Amino acid sequence: MTTRTRRETIVFAHPFRLRGIDRELPAGAYDVITDEELIEGLSFPVFRRVATMITVPCAPPRQSAVEMLTIEPDALRDARQADSSTSRA
């Protein structure tokens, strides 16, 4: 199976929470990695998302390290919307 990985950096202007992560994350830039696999047998290439992950600072006392956590894309979308609406207030 053919897979591809997309990486994007997302910036949060304010501290935020993501469903599935039990702590508040600080404002800043975060790498989001999405793995997709090719759906075979079609006459044109189509990819299906199989995993979305975000790199975050570890919880205290290991804040200098980072960890990669699997997240739901909808949770990320909701957090970004909340951050942008807070910026307008």
PDB file of N, CA and C in Angstrom:
ATOM      1  N   MET A   1       0.843  -1.171   0.000  1.00  0.00           N
ATOM      2  CA  MET A   1       0.000   0.000   0.000  1.00  0.00           C
ATOM      3  C   MET A   1       0.893   1.239   0.000  1.00  0.00           C
ATOM      4  N   THR A   2       0.566   2.199  -0.822  1.00  0.00           N
ATOM      5  CA  THR A   2       1.316   3.448  -0.907  1.00  0.00           C
ATOM      6  C   THR A   2       0.801   4.416   0.150  1.00  0.00           C
ATOM      7  N   THR A   3       1.721   5.003   0.900  1.00  0.00           N
ATOM      8  CA  THR A   3       1.326   5.995   1.901  1.00  0.00           C
ATOM      9  C   THR A   3       2.113   7.279   1.665  1.00  0.00           C
ATOM     10  N   ARG A   4       1.540   8.371   2.159  1.00  0.00           N
ATOM     11  CA  ARG A   4       2.248   9.647   2.123  1.00  0.00           C
ATOM     12  C   ARG A   4       2.027  10.338   3.461  1.00  0.00           C
ATOM     13  N   THR A   5       2.947  11.216   3.792  1.00  0.00           N
ATOM     14  CA  THR A   5       2.877  11.964   5.045  1.00  0.00           C
ATOM     15  C   THR A   5       2.913  13.448   4.711  1.00  0.00           C
ATOM     16  N   ARG A   6       1.956  14.180   5.244  1.00  0.00           N
ATOM     17  CA  ARG A   6       1.938  15.635   5.093  1.00  0.00           C
ATOM     18  C   ARG A   6       2.254  16.255   6.444  1.00  0.00           C
ATOM     19  N   ARG A   7       3.049  17.319   6.422  1.00  0.00           N
ATOM     20  CA  ARG A   7       3.417  18.023   7.657  1.00  0.00           C
ATOM     21  C   ARG A   7       3.041  19.480   7.482  1.00  0.00           C
ATOM     22  N   GLU A   8       2.435  20.043   8.532  1.00  0.00           N
ATOM     23  CA  GLU A   8       2.062  21.447   8.499  1.00  0.00           C
ATOM     24  C   GLU A   8       2.304  22.033   9.876  1.00  0.00           C
ATOM     25  N   THR A   9       2.664  23.291   9.920  1.00  0.00           N
ATOM     26  CA  THR A   9       2.855  23.979  11.188  1.00  0.00           C
ATOM     27  C   THR A   9       1.652  24.879  11.430  1.00  0.00           C
ATOM     28  N   ILE A  10       1.048  24.716  12.591  1.00  0.00           N
ATOM     29  CA  ILE A  10      -0.125  25.503  12.981  1.00  0.00           C
ATOM     30  C   ILE A  10       0.264  26.350  14.182  1.00  0.00           C
ATOM     31  N   VAL A  11      -0.128  27.621  14.159  1.00  0.00           N
ATOM     32  CA  VAL A  11       0.209  28.536  15.236  1.00  0.00           C
ATOM     33  C   VAL A  11      -1.055  28.880  16.023  1.00  0.00           C
ATOM     34  N   PHE A  12      -0.972  28.708  17.329  1.00  0.00           N
ATOM     35  CA  PHE A  12      -2.048  29.109  18.234  1.00  0.00           C
ATOM     36  C   PHE A  12      -1.610  30.372  18.951  1.00  0.00           C
ATOM     37  N   ALA A  13      -2.469  31.381  18.931  1.00  0.00           N
ATOM     38  CA  ALA A  13      -2.158  32.660  19.571  1.00  0.00           C
ATOM     39  C   ALA A  13      -2.411  32.632  21.073  1.00  0.00           C
ATOM     40  N   HIS A  14      -3.196  31.666  21.519  1.00  0.00           N
ATOM     41  CA  HIS A  14      -3.587  31.575  22.930  1.00  0.00           C
ATOM     42  C   HIS A  14      -3.407  30.150  23.435  1.00  0.00           C
ATOM     43  N   PRO A  15      -3.271  29.957  24.742  1.00  0.00           N
ATOM     44  CA  PRO A  15      -3.295  28.586  25.275  1.00  0.00           C
ATOM     45  C   PRO A  15      -4.596  27.900  24.836  1.00  0.00           C
ATOM     46  N   PHE A  16      -4.527  26.598  24.647  1.00  0.00           N
ATOM     47  CA  PHE A  16      -5.693  25.892  24.108  1.00  0.00           C
ATOM     48  C   PHE A  16      -5.761  24.469  24.640  1.00  0.00           C
ATOM     49  N   ARG A  17      -6.901  23.862  24.408  1.00  0.00           N
ATOM     50  CA  ARG A  17      -7.123  22.455  24.755  1.00  0.00           C
ATOM     51  C   ARG A  17      -7.571  21.702  23.515  1.00  0.00           C
ATOM     52  N   LEU A  18      -7.180  20.445  23.457  1.00  0.00           N
ATOM     53  CA  LEU A  18      -7.631  19.544  22.402  1.00  0.00           C
ATOM     54  C   LEU A  18      -8.323  18.364  23.066  1.00  0.00           C
ATOM     55  N   ARG A  19      -9.476  17.987  22.527  1.00  0.00           N
ATOM     56  CA  ARG A  19     -10.137  16.777  23.037  1.00  0.00           C
ATOM     57  C   ARG A  19      -9.165  15.614  22.940  1.00  0.00           C
ATOM     58  N   GLY A  20      -9.090  14.849  23.996  1.00  0.00           N
ATOM     59  CA  GLY A  20      -8.199  13.696  24.020  1.00  0.00           C
ATOM     60  C   GLY A  20      -6.856  13.968  24.679  1.00  0.00           C
ATOM     61  N   ILE A  21      -6.543  15.240  24.939  1.00  0.00           N
ATOM     62  CA  ILE A  21      -5.311  15.599  25.649  1.00  0.00           C
ATOM     63  C   ILE A  21      -5.741  16.215  26.970  1.00  0.00           C
ATOM     64  N   ASP A  22      -5.238  15.684  28.073  1.00  0.00           N
ATOM     65  CA  ASP A  22      -5.757  16.025  29.397  1.00  0.00           C
ATOM     66  C   ASP A  22      -5.151  17.270  30.036  1.00  0.00           C
ATOM     67  N   ARG A  23      -4.487  18.103  29.239  1.00  0.00           N
ATOM     68  CA  ARG A  23      -3.905  19.316  29.814  1.00  0.00           C
ATOM     69  C   ARG A  23      -4.015  20.464  28.812  1.00  0.00           C
ATOM     70  N   GLU A  24      -3.901  21.674  29.343  1.00  0.00           N
ATOM     71  CA  GLU A  24      -3.889  22.848  28.481  1.00  0.00           C
ATOM     72  C   GLU A  24      -2.509  22.966  27.844  1.00  0.00           C
ATOM     73  N   LEU A  25      -2.495  23.308  26.574  1.00  0.00           N
ATOM     74  CA  LEU A  25      -1.243  23.468  25.848  1.00  0.00           C
ATOM     75  C   LEU A  25      -0.960  24.957  25.665  1.00  0.00           C
ATOM     76  N   PRO A  26       0.304  25.355  25.732  1.00  0.00           N
ATOM     77  CA  PRO A  26       0.637  26.777  25.606  1.00  0.00           C
ATOM     78  C   PRO A  26       0.491  27.281  24.171  1.00  0.00           C
ATOM     79  N   ALA A  27       0.296  28.579  24.039  1.00  0.00           N
ATOM     80  CA  ALA A  27       0.286  29.202  22.714  1.00  0.00           C
ATOM     81  C   ALA A  27       1.628  28.931  22.038  1.00  0.00           C
ATOM     82  N   GLY A  28       1.610  28.891  20.713  1.00  0.00           N
ATOM     83  CA  GLY A  28       2.857  28.673  19.983  1.00  0.00           C
ATOM     84  C   GLY A  28       2.624  27.905  18.702  1.00  0.00           C
ATOM     85  N   ALA A  29       3.716  27.497  18.068  1.00  0.00           N
ATOM     86  CA  ALA A  29       3.680  26.754  16.809  1.00  0.00           C
ATOM     87  C   ALA A  29       3.739  25.256  17.090  1.00  0.00           C
ATOM     88  N   TYR A  30       2.914  24.516  16.396  1.00  0.00           N
ATOM     89  CA  TYR A  30       2.828  23.071  16.568  1.00  0.00           C
ATOM     90  C   TYR A  30       2.898  22.384  15.212  1.00  0.00           C
ATOM     91  N   ASP A  31       3.669  21.304  15.137  1.00  0.00           N
ATOM     92  CA  ASP A  31       3.713  20.497  13.917  1.00  0.00           C
ATOM     93  C   ASP A  31       2.571  19.502  13.951  1.00  0.00           C
ATOM     94  N   VAL A  32       1.831  19.440  12.845  1.00  0.00           N
ATOM     95  CA  VAL A  32       0.745  18.475  12.689  1.00  0.00           C
ATOM     96  C   VAL A  32       1.122  17.575  11.521  1.00  0.00           C
ATOM     97  N   ILE A  33       1.103  16.281  11.762  1.00  0.00           N
ATOM     98  CA  ILE A  33       1.500  15.292  10.770  1.00  0.00           C
ATOM     99  C   ILE A  33       0.279  14.453  10.420  1.00  0.00           C
ATOM    100  N   THR A  34       0.012  14.316   9.116  1.00  0.00           N
ATOM    101  CA  THR A  34      -1.119  13.519   8.659  1.00  0.00           C
ATOM    102  C   THR A  34      -0.597  12.421   7.743  1.00  0.00           C
ATOM    103  N   ASP A  35      -0.907  11.182   8.090  1.00  0.00           N
ATOM    104  CA  ASP A  35      -0.560  10.038   7.249  1.00  0.00           C
ATOM    105  C   ASP A  35      -1.786   9.655   6.427  1.00  0.00           C
ATOM    106  N   GLU A  36      -1.559   9.425   5.136  1.00  0.00           N
ATOM    107  CA  GLU A  36      -2.640   9.051   4.232  1.00  0.00           C
ATOM    108  C   GLU A  36      -2.199   7.842   3.415  1.00  0.00           C
ATOM    109  N   GLU A  37      -3.161   6.997   3.043  1.00  0.00           N
ATOM    110  CA  GLU A  37      -2.840   5.852   2.202  1.00  0.00           C
ATOM    111  C   GLU A  37      -3.632   5.927   0.906  1.00  0.00           C
ATOM    112  N   LEU A  38      -3.023   5.441  -0.157  1.00  0.00           N
ATOM    113  CA  LEU A  38      -3.635   5.437  -1.478  1.00  0.00           C
ATOM    114  C   LEU A  38      -4.735   4.384  -1.537  1.00  0.00           C
ATOM    115  N   ILE A  39      -5.891   4.794  -2.027  1.00  0.00           N
ATOM    116  CA  ILE A  39      -6.964   3.832  -2.285  1.00  0.00           C
ATOM    117  C   ILE A  39      -6.709   3.284  -3.683  1.00  0.00           C
ATOM    118  N   GLU A  40      -6.418   2.014  -3.755  1.00  0.00           N
ATOM    119  CA  GLU A  40      -6.025   1.417  -5.030  1.00  0.00           C
ATOM    120  C   GLU A  40      -7.239   0.964  -5.827  1.00  0.00           C
ATOM    121  N   GLY A  41      -7.025   0.820  -7.130  1.00  0.00           N
ATOM    122  CA  GLY A  41      -8.063   0.291  -8.003  1.00  0.00           C
ATOM    123  C   GLY A  41      -8.904   1.369  -8.674  1.00  0.00           C
ATOM    124  N   LEU A  42      -8.611   2.631  -8.437  1.00  0.00           N
ATOM    125  CA  LEU A  42      -9.351   3.707  -9.099  1.00  0.00           C
ATOM    126  C   LEU A  42      -8.546   4.210 -10.291  1.00  0.00           C
ATOM    127  N   SER A  43      -9.196   4.909 -11.193  1.00  0.00           N
ATOM    128  CA  SER A  43      -8.510   5.407 -12.382  1.00  0.00           C
ATOM    129  C   SER A  43      -7.759   6.710 -12.115  1.00  0.00           C
ATOM    130  N   PHE A  44      -7.859   7.232 -10.901  1.00  0.00           N
ATOM    131  CA  PHE A  44      -7.152   8.453 -10.509  1.00  0.00           C
ATOM    132  C   PHE A  44      -6.728   8.287  -9.050  1.00  0.00           C
ATOM    133  N   PRO A  45      -5.666   8.972  -8.631  1.00  0.00           N
ATOM    134  CA  PRO A  45      -5.181   8.779  -7.263  1.00  0.00           C
ATOM    135  C   PRO A  45      -6.087   9.459  -6.224  1.00  0.00           C
ATOM    136  N   VAL A  46      -6.450   8.688  -5.208  1.00  0.00           N
ATOM    137  CA  VAL A  46      -7.245   9.189  -4.086  1.00  0.00           C
ATOM    138  C   VAL A  46      -6.589   8.678  -2.809  1.00  0.00           C
ATOM    139  N   PHE A  47      -6.386   9.585  -1.856  1.00  0.00           N
ATOM    140  CA  PHE A  47      -5.780   9.203  -0.589  1.00  0.00           C
ATOM    141  C   PHE A  47      -6.795   9.320   0.541  1.00  0.00           C
ATOM    142  N   ARG A  48      -6.697   8.412   1.498  1.00  0.00           N
ATOM    143  CA  ARG A  48      -7.564   8.400   2.678  1.00  0.00           C
ATOM    144  C   ARG A  48      -6.700   8.638   3.906  1.00  0.00           C
ATOM    145  N   ARG A  49      -7.160   9.557   4.769  1.00  0.00           N
ATOM    146  CA  ARG A  49      -6.419   9.850   6.006  1.00  0.00           C
ATOM    147  C   ARG A  49      -6.506   8.635   6.928  1.00  0.00           C
ATOM    148  N   VAL A  50      -5.359   8.237   7.458  1.00  0.00           N
ATOM    149  CA  VAL A  50      -5.337   7.112   8.391  1.00  0.00           C
ATOM    150  C   VAL A  50      -4.909   7.536   9.793  1.00  0.00           C
ATOM    151  N   ALA A  51      -4.216   8.691   9.912  1.00  0.00           N
ATOM    152  CA  ALA A  51      -3.804   9.151  11.239  1.00  0.00           C
ATOM    153  C   ALA A  51      -3.440  10.630  11.175  1.00  0.00           C
ATOM    154  N   THR A  52      -3.782  11.345  12.250  1.00  0.00           N
ATOM    155  CA  THR A  52      -3.366  12.734  12.412  1.00  0.00           C
ATOM    156  C   THR A  52      -2.705  12.842  13.778  1.00  0.00           C
ATOM    157  N   MET A  53      -1.505  13.434  13.807  1.00  0.00           N
ATOM    158  CA  MET A  53      -0.749  13.542  15.049  1.00  0.00           C
ATOM    159  C   MET A  53      -0.252  14.972  15.221  1.00  0.00           C
ATOM    160  N   ILE A  54      -0.018  15.351  16.469  1.00  0.00           N
ATOM    161  CA  ILE A  54       0.510  16.668  16.780  1.00  0.00           C
ATOM    162  C   ILE A  54       1.676  16.495  17.746  1.00  0.00           C
ATOM    163  N   THR A  55       2.719  17.302  17.564  1.00  0.00           N
ATOM    164  CA  THR A  55       3.827  17.278  18.511  1.00  0.00           C
ATOM    165  C   THR A  55       3.579  18.364  19.552  1.00  0.00           C
ATOM    166  N   VAL A  56       3.659  17.982  20.811  1.00  0.00           N
ATOM    167  CA  VAL A  56       3.386  18.906  21.921  1.00  0.00           C
ATOM    168  C   VAL A  56       4.489  18.788  22.963  1.00  0.00           C
ATOM    169  N   PRO A  57       4.694  19.861  23.754  1.00  0.00           N
ATOM    170  CA  PRO A  57       5.664  19.743  24.844  1.00  0.00           C
ATOM    171  C   PRO A  57       5.164  18.713  25.863  1.00  0.00           C
ATOM    172  N   CYS A  58       6.065  17.966  26.419  1.00  0.00           N
ATOM    173  CA  CYS A  58       5.693  16.986  27.443  1.00  0.00           C
ATOM    174  C   CYS A  58       5.180  17.704  28.686  1.00  0.00           C
ATOM    175  N   ALA A  59       4.415  16.978  29.462  1.00  0.00           N
ATOM    176  CA  ALA A  59       3.904  17.515  30.724  1.00  0.00           C
ATOM    177  C   ALA A  59       5.051  17.653  31.718  1.00  0.00           C
ATOM    178  N   PRO A  60       4.893  18.566  32.683  1.00  0.00           N
ATOM    179  CA  PRO A  60       5.930  18.718  33.711  1.00  0.00           C
ATOM    180  C   PRO A  60       6.217  17.373  34.369  1.00  0.00           C
ATOM    181  N   PRO A  61       7.423  17.097  34.732  1.00  0.00           N
ATOM    182  CA  PRO A  61       8.597  17.979  34.759  1.00  0.00           C
ATOM    183  C   PRO A  61       9.455  17.879  33.506  1.00  0.00           C
ATOM    184  N   ARG A  62       8.958  17.329  32.421  1.00  0.00           N
ATOM    185  CA  ARG A  62       9.774  17.105  31.213  1.00  0.00           C
ATOM    186  C   ARG A  62       9.420  18.071  30.083  1.00  0.00           C
ATOM    187  N   GLN A  63       9.180  19.336  30.374  1.00  0.00           N
ATOM    188  CA  GLN A  63       8.748  20.294  29.369  1.00  0.00           C
ATOM    189  C   GLN A  63       9.761  20.502  28.243  1.00  0.00           C
ATOM    190  N   SER A  64      11.026  20.175  28.460  1.00  0.00           N
ATOM    191  CA  SER A  64      12.031  20.388  27.413  1.00  0.00           C
ATOM    192  C   SER A  64      11.952  19.316  26.328  1.00  0.00           C
ATOM    193  N   ALA A  65      11.211  18.240  26.556  1.00  0.00           N
ATOM    194  CA  ALA A  65      11.026  17.183  25.560  1.00  0.00           C
ATOM    195  C   ALA A  65       9.674  17.377  24.873  1.00  0.00           C
ATOM    196  N   VAL A  66       9.503  16.714  23.736  1.00  0.00           N
ATOM    197  CA  VAL A  66       8.224  16.764  23.035  1.00  0.00           C
ATOM    198  C   VAL A  66       7.701  15.348  22.861  1.00  0.00           C
ATOM    199  N   GLU A  67       6.403  15.253  22.683  1.00  0.00           N
ATOM    200  CA  GLU A  67       5.784  13.966  22.404  1.00  0.00           C
ATOM    201  C   GLU A  67       4.830  14.124  21.238  1.00  0.00           C
ATOM    202  N   MET A  68       4.619  13.044  20.508  1.00  0.00           N
ATOM    203  CA  MET A  68       3.702  13.056  19.380  1.00  0.00           C
ATOM    204  C   MET A  68       2.443  12.300  19.803  1.00  0.00           C
ATOM    205  N   LEU A  69       1.307  12.998  19.720  1.00  0.00           N
ATOM    206  CA  LEU A  69       0.043  12.424  20.145  1.00  0.00           C
ATOM    207  C   LEU A  69      -0.919  12.326  18.971  1.00  0.00           C
ATOM    208  N   THR A  70      -1.649  11.218  18.895  1.00  0.00           N
ATOM    209  CA  THR A  70      -2.676  11.059  17.876  1.00  0.00           C
ATOM    210  C   THR A  70      -3.892  11.873  18.285  1.00  0.00           C
ATOM    211  N   ILE A  71      -4.442  12.622  17.333  1.00  0.00           N
ATOM    212  CA  ILE A  71      -5.609  13.457  17.607  1.00  0.00           C
ATOM    213  C   ILE A  71      -6.651  13.250  16.523  1.00  0.00           C
ATOM    214  N   GLU A  72      -7.856  13.684  16.800  1.00  0.00           N
ATOM    215  CA  GLU A  72      -8.921  13.681  15.812  1.00  0.00           C
ATOM    216  C   GLU A  72      -8.868  14.998  15.040  1.00  0.00           C
ATOM    217  N   PRO A  73      -8.951  14.960  13.717  1.00  0.00           N
ATOM    218  CA  PRO A  73      -8.930  16.198  12.936  1.00  0.00           C
ATOM    219  C   PRO A  73     -10.015  17.188  13.361  1.00  0.00           C
ATOM    220  N   ASP A  74     -11.177  16.681  13.756  1.00  0.00           N
ATOM    221  CA  ASP A  74     -12.265  17.570  14.204  1.00  0.00           C
ATOM    222  C   ASP A  74     -11.872  18.323  15.469  1.00  0.00           C
ATOM    223  N   ALA A  75     -11.143  17.685  16.370  1.00  0.00           N
ATOM    224  CA  ALA A  75     -10.698  18.344  17.599  1.00  0.00           C
ATOM    225  C   ALA A  75      -9.734  19.473  17.268  1.00  0.00           C
ATOM    226  N   LEU A  76      -8.859  19.253  16.296  1.00  0.00           N
ATOM    227  CA  LEU A  76      -7.925  20.290  15.877  1.00  0.00           C
ATOM    228  C   LEU A  76      -8.679  21.453  15.231  1.00  0.00           C
ATOM    229  N   ARG A  77      -9.623  21.143  14.372  1.00  0.00           N
ATOM    230  CA  ARG A  77     -10.431  22.189  13.737  1.00  0.00           C
ATOM    231  C   ARG A  77     -11.146  23.037  14.777  1.00  0.00           C
ATOM    232  N   ASP A  78     -11.758  22.391  15.773  1.00  0.00           N
ATOM    233  CA  ASP A  78     -12.484  23.112  16.822  1.00  0.00           C
ATOM    234  C   ASP A  78     -11.545  24.011  17.628  1.00  0.00           C
ATOM    235  N   ALA A  79     -10.353  23.513  17.946  1.00  0.00           N
ATOM    236  CA  ALA A  79      -9.390  24.308  18.712  1.00  0.00           C
ATOM    237  C   ALA A  79      -8.912  25.512  17.903  1.00  0.00           C
ATOM    238  N   ARG A  80      -8.703  25.326  16.605  1.00  0.00           N
ATOM    239  CA  ARG A  80      -8.287  26.448  15.755  1.00  0.00           C
ATOM    240  C   ARG A  80      -9.387  27.495  15.646  1.00  0.00           C
ATOM    241  N   GLN A  81     -10.625  27.052  15.528  1.00  0.00           N
ATOM    242  CA  GLN A  81     -11.744  27.997  15.461  1.00  0.00           C
ATOM    243  C   GLN A  81     -11.872  28.777  16.761  1.00  0.00           C
ATOM    244  N   ALA A  82     -11.736  28.089  17.883  1.00  0.00           N
ATOM    245  CA  ALA A  82     -11.814  28.762  19.187  1.00  0.00           C
ATOM    246  C   ALA A  82     -10.678  29.773  19.338  1.00  0.00           C
ATOM    247  N   ASP A  83      -9.485  29.421  18.871  1.00  0.00           N
ATOM    248  CA  ASP A  83      -8.336  30.329  18.971  1.00  0.00           C
ATOM    249  C   ASP A  83      -8.556  31.564  18.097  1.00  0.00           C
ATOM    250  N   SER A  84      -9.083  31.389  16.904  1.00  0.00           N
ATOM    251  CA  SER A  84      -9.277  32.541  16.023  1.00  0.00           C
ATOM    252  C   SER A  84     -10.420  33.425  16.510  1.00  0.00           C
ATOM    253  N   SER A  85     -11.448  32.833  17.125  1.00  0.00           N
ATOM    254  CA  SER A  85     -12.532  33.655  17.640  1.00  0.00           C
ATOM    255  C   SER A  85     -12.099  34.419  18.898  1.00  0.00           C
ATOM    256  N   THR A  86     -11.175  33.845  19.658  1.00  0.00           N
ATOM    257  CA  THR A  86     -10.629  34.536  20.826  1.00  0.00           C
ATOM    258  C   THR A  86      -9.773  35.714  20.369  1.00  0.00           C
ATOM    259  N   SER A  87      -9.092  35.561  19.236  1.00  0.00           N
ATOM    260  CA  SER A  87      -8.241  36.626  18.717  1.00  0.00           C
ATOM    261  C   SER A  87      -9.050  37.841  18.288  1.00  0.00           C
ATOM    262  N   ARG A  88     -10.289  37.624  17.849  1.00  0.00           N
ATOM    263  CA  ARG A  88     -11.138  38.725  17.386  1.00  0.00           C
ATOM    264  C   ARG A  88     -11.824  39.440  18.512  1.00  0.00           C
ATOM    265  N   ALA A  89     -11.908  38.810  19.664  1.00  0.00           N
ATOM    266  CA  ALA A  89     -12.662  39.402  20.776  1.00  0.00           C
ATOM    267  C   ALA A  89     -11.949  40.598  21.375  1.00  0.00           C
TER     268      ALA A  89
END
